[in-house]
């Protein structure tokens, strides 16, 4: 059996929620790739980018509305 280690990262102020990936047989590249995918899927990167600078409440609402419309269109394309 190969040596196992764990890559962990704390995501924001969410307490004990951590993204964990197990490195199997020394394949760090595969573990790093899966770690990146998990972080993107959880939305941690998006949260960090949103908090880089202040955005006014109206701008946040407009962006949320644009994203909602975009997601609705994606969902409609899948349902056809």
N, C-alpha and C. Protein backbone atom coordinates (compact mmCIF):
# COMPACT_ATOMS: atom_id res chain seq x y z
N UNK A 1 0.84 -1.18 0.00
CA UNK A 1 0.00 0.00 0.00
C UNK A 1 0.88 1.24 0.00
N UNK A 2 0.42 2.23 -0.76
CA UNK A 2 1.18 3.47 -0.86
C UNK A 2 0.93 4.39 0.32
N UNK A 3 1.74 5.41 0.39
CA UNK A 3 1.63 6.41 1.44
C UNK A 3 0.44 7.31 1.16
N UNK A 4 -0.38 7.58 2.15
CA UNK A 4 -1.55 8.44 1.98
C UNK A 4 -1.36 9.71 2.79
N UNK A 5 -1.78 10.82 2.20
CA UNK A 5 -1.79 12.08 2.93
C UNK A 5 -3.05 12.83 2.54
N UNK A 6 -3.35 13.89 3.25
CA UNK A 6 -4.59 14.62 3.01
C UNK A 6 -4.29 16.09 2.74
N UNK A 7 -4.93 16.65 1.71
CA UNK A 7 -4.85 18.07 1.43
C UNK A 7 -6.13 18.69 1.96
N UNK A 8 -6.01 19.75 2.77
CA UNK A 8 -7.19 20.40 3.33
C UNK A 8 -7.10 21.90 3.14
N UNK A 9 -8.26 22.53 3.03
CA UNK A 9 -8.28 23.99 2.94
C UNK A 9 -9.51 24.50 3.67
N UNK A 10 -9.35 25.53 4.46
CA UNK A 10 -10.48 26.15 5.13
C UNK A 10 -11.10 27.13 4.16
N UNK A 11 -12.40 27.12 4.09
CA UNK A 11 -13.11 28.00 3.16
C UNK A 11 -13.86 29.06 3.94
N UNK A 12 -13.29 30.22 4.08
CA UNK A 12 -13.97 31.35 4.69
C UNK A 12 -14.22 31.17 6.17
N UNK A 13 -15.29 31.77 6.64
CA UNK A 13 -15.64 31.74 8.07
C UNK A 13 -16.71 30.71 8.37
N UNK A 14 -16.74 29.65 7.63
CA UNK A 14 -17.81 28.66 7.77
C UNK A 14 -17.52 27.65 8.86
N UNK A 15 -16.60 27.93 9.73
CA UNK A 15 -16.34 27.03 10.85
C UNK A 15 -15.58 25.80 10.45
N UNK A 16 -16.19 24.64 10.67
CA UNK A 16 -15.49 23.39 10.46
C UNK A 16 -15.68 22.80 9.06
N UNK A 17 -16.29 23.52 8.15
CA UNK A 17 -16.45 23.00 6.80
C UNK A 17 -15.12 23.10 6.07
N UNK A 18 -14.61 21.96 5.64
CA UNK A 18 -13.33 21.92 4.95
C UNK A 18 -13.46 21.06 3.71
N UNK A 19 -12.69 21.40 2.71
CA UNK A 19 -12.62 20.58 1.52
C UNK A 19 -11.44 19.64 1.70
N UNK A 20 -11.70 18.35 1.60
CA UNK A 20 -10.65 17.36 1.84
C UNK A 20 -10.48 16.48 0.62
N UNK A 21 -9.24 16.15 0.33
CA UNK A 21 -8.91 15.24 -0.76
C UNK A 21 -7.81 14.31 -0.28
N UNK A 22 -7.95 13.04 -0.56
CA UNK A 22 -6.94 12.06 -0.15
C UNK A 22 -6.02 11.78 -1.33
N UNK A 23 -4.72 11.88 -1.10
CA UNK A 23 -3.71 11.57 -2.11
C UNK A 23 -3.42 10.08 -2.04
N UNK A 24 -3.70 9.39 -3.13
CA UNK A 24 -3.50 7.93 -3.16
C UNK A 24 -2.30 7.59 -4.04
N UNK A 25 -1.44 6.74 -3.54
CA UNK A 25 -0.27 6.25 -4.26
C UNK A 25 0.62 7.37 -4.78
N UNK A 26 0.69 8.47 -4.07
CA UNK A 26 1.56 9.57 -4.45
C UNK A 26 1.12 10.36 -5.67
N UNK A 27 -0.13 10.24 -6.08
CA UNK A 27 -0.63 10.95 -7.26
C UNK A 27 -1.18 12.32 -6.83
N UNK A 28 -0.25 13.24 -6.64
CA UNK A 28 -0.61 14.57 -6.16
C UNK A 28 -1.35 15.36 -7.22
N UNK A 29 -0.98 15.17 -8.49
CA UNK A 29 -1.64 15.92 -9.58
C UNK A 29 -3.13 15.61 -9.66
N UNK A 30 -3.47 14.33 -9.54
CA UNK A 30 -4.89 13.94 -9.58
C UNK A 30 -5.64 14.50 -8.38
N UNK A 31 -5.00 14.46 -7.22
CA UNK A 31 -5.64 14.97 -6.00
C UNK A 31 -5.84 16.47 -6.10
N UNK A 32 -4.86 17.18 -6.64
CA UNK A 32 -4.97 18.63 -6.80
C UNK A 32 -6.09 18.98 -7.78
N UNK A 33 -6.19 18.22 -8.86
CA UNK A 33 -7.26 18.45 -9.85
C UNK A 33 -8.64 18.25 -9.22
N UNK A 34 -8.81 17.18 -8.47
CA UNK A 34 -10.10 16.93 -7.83
C UNK A 34 -10.38 17.96 -6.74
N UNK A 35 -9.33 18.43 -6.06
CA UNK A 35 -9.50 19.47 -5.05
C UNK A 35 -10.01 20.76 -5.69
N UNK A 36 -9.41 21.15 -6.80
CA UNK A 36 -9.84 22.36 -7.51
C UNK A 36 -11.29 22.23 -7.96
N UNK A 37 -11.66 21.07 -8.48
CA UNK A 37 -13.04 20.85 -8.93
C UNK A 37 -14.01 20.97 -7.77
N UNK A 38 -13.66 20.40 -6.62
CA UNK A 38 -14.54 20.47 -5.45
C UNK A 38 -14.71 21.91 -4.97
N UNK A 39 -13.62 22.66 -4.95
CA UNK A 39 -13.67 24.06 -4.50
C UNK A 39 -14.54 24.88 -5.43
N UNK A 40 -14.41 24.68 -6.74
CA UNK A 40 -15.23 25.41 -7.71
C UNK A 40 -16.69 25.02 -7.57
N UNK A 41 -16.94 23.72 -7.41
CA UNK A 41 -18.32 23.25 -7.29
C UNK A 41 -19.00 23.78 -6.03
N UNK A 42 -18.25 23.91 -4.94
CA UNK A 42 -18.81 24.44 -3.70
C UNK A 42 -19.06 25.93 -3.76
N UNK A 43 -18.44 26.62 -4.72
CA UNK A 43 -18.66 28.05 -4.88
C UNK A 43 -17.75 28.92 -4.03
N UNK A 44 -16.68 28.35 -3.50
CA UNK A 44 -15.77 29.11 -2.65
C UNK A 44 -15.05 30.20 -3.44
N UNK A 45 -14.65 29.89 -4.66
CA UNK A 45 -13.92 30.85 -5.49
C UNK A 45 -14.81 32.05 -5.80
N UNK A 46 -16.07 31.76 -6.10
CA UNK A 46 -17.02 32.83 -6.42
C UNK A 46 -17.22 33.77 -5.23
N UNK A 47 -17.32 33.19 -4.04
CA UNK A 47 -17.49 34.00 -2.83
C UNK A 47 -16.28 34.90 -2.60
N UNK A 48 -15.10 34.35 -2.82
CA UNK A 48 -13.87 35.13 -2.61
C UNK A 48 -13.82 36.29 -3.59
N UNK A 49 -14.16 36.04 -4.85
CA UNK A 49 -14.13 37.10 -5.85
C UNK A 49 -15.16 38.18 -5.56
N UNK A 50 -16.32 37.78 -5.03
CA UNK A 50 -17.35 38.77 -4.70
C UNK A 50 -16.91 39.67 -3.55
N UNK A 51 -16.12 39.14 -2.64
CA UNK A 51 -15.71 39.92 -1.48
C UNK A 51 -14.43 40.71 -1.70
N UNK A 52 -13.86 40.66 -2.90
CA UNK A 52 -12.64 41.41 -3.18
C UNK A 52 -12.88 42.92 -3.08
N UNK A 53 -14.06 43.35 -3.49
CA UNK A 53 -14.37 44.78 -3.42
C UNK A 53 -15.84 44.95 -3.09
N UNK A 54 -16.17 46.14 -2.60
CA UNK A 54 -17.54 46.43 -2.21
C UNK A 54 -18.38 46.69 -3.44
N UNK A 55 -19.58 46.13 -3.45
CA UNK A 55 -20.53 46.44 -4.52
C UNK A 55 -21.83 46.92 -3.87
N UNK A 56 -22.40 47.93 -4.47
CA UNK A 56 -23.61 48.53 -3.92
C UNK A 56 -24.76 47.53 -3.97
N UNK A 57 -25.74 47.68 -3.09
CA UNK A 57 -26.86 46.74 -3.06
C UNK A 57 -27.60 46.64 -4.39
N UNK A 58 -27.77 47.77 -5.07
CA UNK A 58 -28.46 47.75 -6.36
C UNK A 58 -27.70 46.95 -7.40
N UNK A 59 -26.39 47.09 -7.38
CA UNK A 59 -25.55 46.35 -8.32
C UNK A 59 -25.62 44.85 -8.01
N UNK A 60 -25.63 44.51 -6.72
CA UNK A 60 -25.75 43.10 -6.34
C UNK A 60 -27.07 42.51 -6.82
N UNK A 61 -28.16 43.29 -6.65
CA UNK A 61 -29.47 42.81 -7.11
C UNK A 61 -29.48 42.61 -8.62
N UNK A 62 -28.92 43.58 -9.35
CA UNK A 62 -28.88 43.46 -10.82
C UNK A 62 -28.08 42.23 -11.25
N UNK A 63 -26.94 42.02 -10.62
CA UNK A 63 -26.12 40.85 -10.96
C UNK A 63 -26.84 39.56 -10.62
N UNK A 64 -27.53 39.53 -9.48
CA UNK A 64 -28.28 38.33 -9.10
C UNK A 64 -29.40 38.06 -10.11
N UNK A 65 -30.06 39.12 -10.58
CA UNK A 65 -31.14 38.97 -11.55
C UNK A 65 -30.59 38.45 -12.88
N UNK A 66 -29.43 38.98 -13.31
CA UNK A 66 -28.80 38.51 -14.55
C UNK A 66 -28.44 37.03 -14.44
N UNK A 67 -27.89 36.65 -13.30
CA UNK A 67 -27.51 35.26 -13.10
C UNK A 67 -28.73 34.35 -13.08
N UNK A 68 -29.81 34.82 -12.47
CA UNK A 68 -31.05 34.04 -12.43
C UNK A 68 -31.57 33.82 -13.85
N UNK A 69 -31.57 34.86 -14.66
CA UNK A 69 -32.05 34.75 -16.04
C UNK A 69 -31.17 33.79 -16.82
N UNK A 70 -29.84 33.90 -16.63
CA UNK A 70 -28.91 33.02 -17.33
C UNK A 70 -29.16 31.56 -16.95
N UNK A 71 -29.36 31.30 -15.65
CA UNK A 71 -29.59 29.93 -15.20
C UNK A 71 -30.93 29.39 -15.70
N UNK A 72 -31.95 30.26 -15.78
CA UNK A 72 -33.24 29.83 -16.31
C UNK A 72 -33.12 29.43 -17.77
N UNK A 73 -32.36 30.21 -18.54
CA UNK A 73 -32.16 29.88 -19.96
C UNK A 73 -31.42 28.57 -20.12
N UNK A 74 -30.41 28.35 -19.27
CA UNK A 74 -29.68 27.08 -19.32
C UNK A 74 -30.61 25.91 -19.03
N UNK A 75 -31.44 26.09 -17.99
CA UNK A 75 -32.36 25.04 -17.60
C UNK A 75 -33.37 24.76 -18.71
N UNK A 76 -33.85 25.81 -19.37
CA UNK A 76 -34.81 25.63 -20.47
C UNK A 76 -34.18 24.89 -21.64
N UNK A 77 -32.90 25.19 -21.94
CA UNK A 77 -32.23 24.49 -23.04
C UNK A 77 -32.09 23.01 -22.74
N UNK A 78 -31.84 22.67 -21.48
CA UNK A 78 -31.69 21.26 -21.10
C UNK A 78 -33.02 20.51 -21.17
N UNK A 79 -34.12 21.21 -20.91
CA UNK A 79 -35.43 20.56 -20.87
C UNK A 79 -36.05 20.38 -22.24
N UNK A 80 -35.46 20.93 -23.27
CA UNK A 80 -36.04 20.79 -24.62
C UNK A 80 -35.85 19.45 -25.20
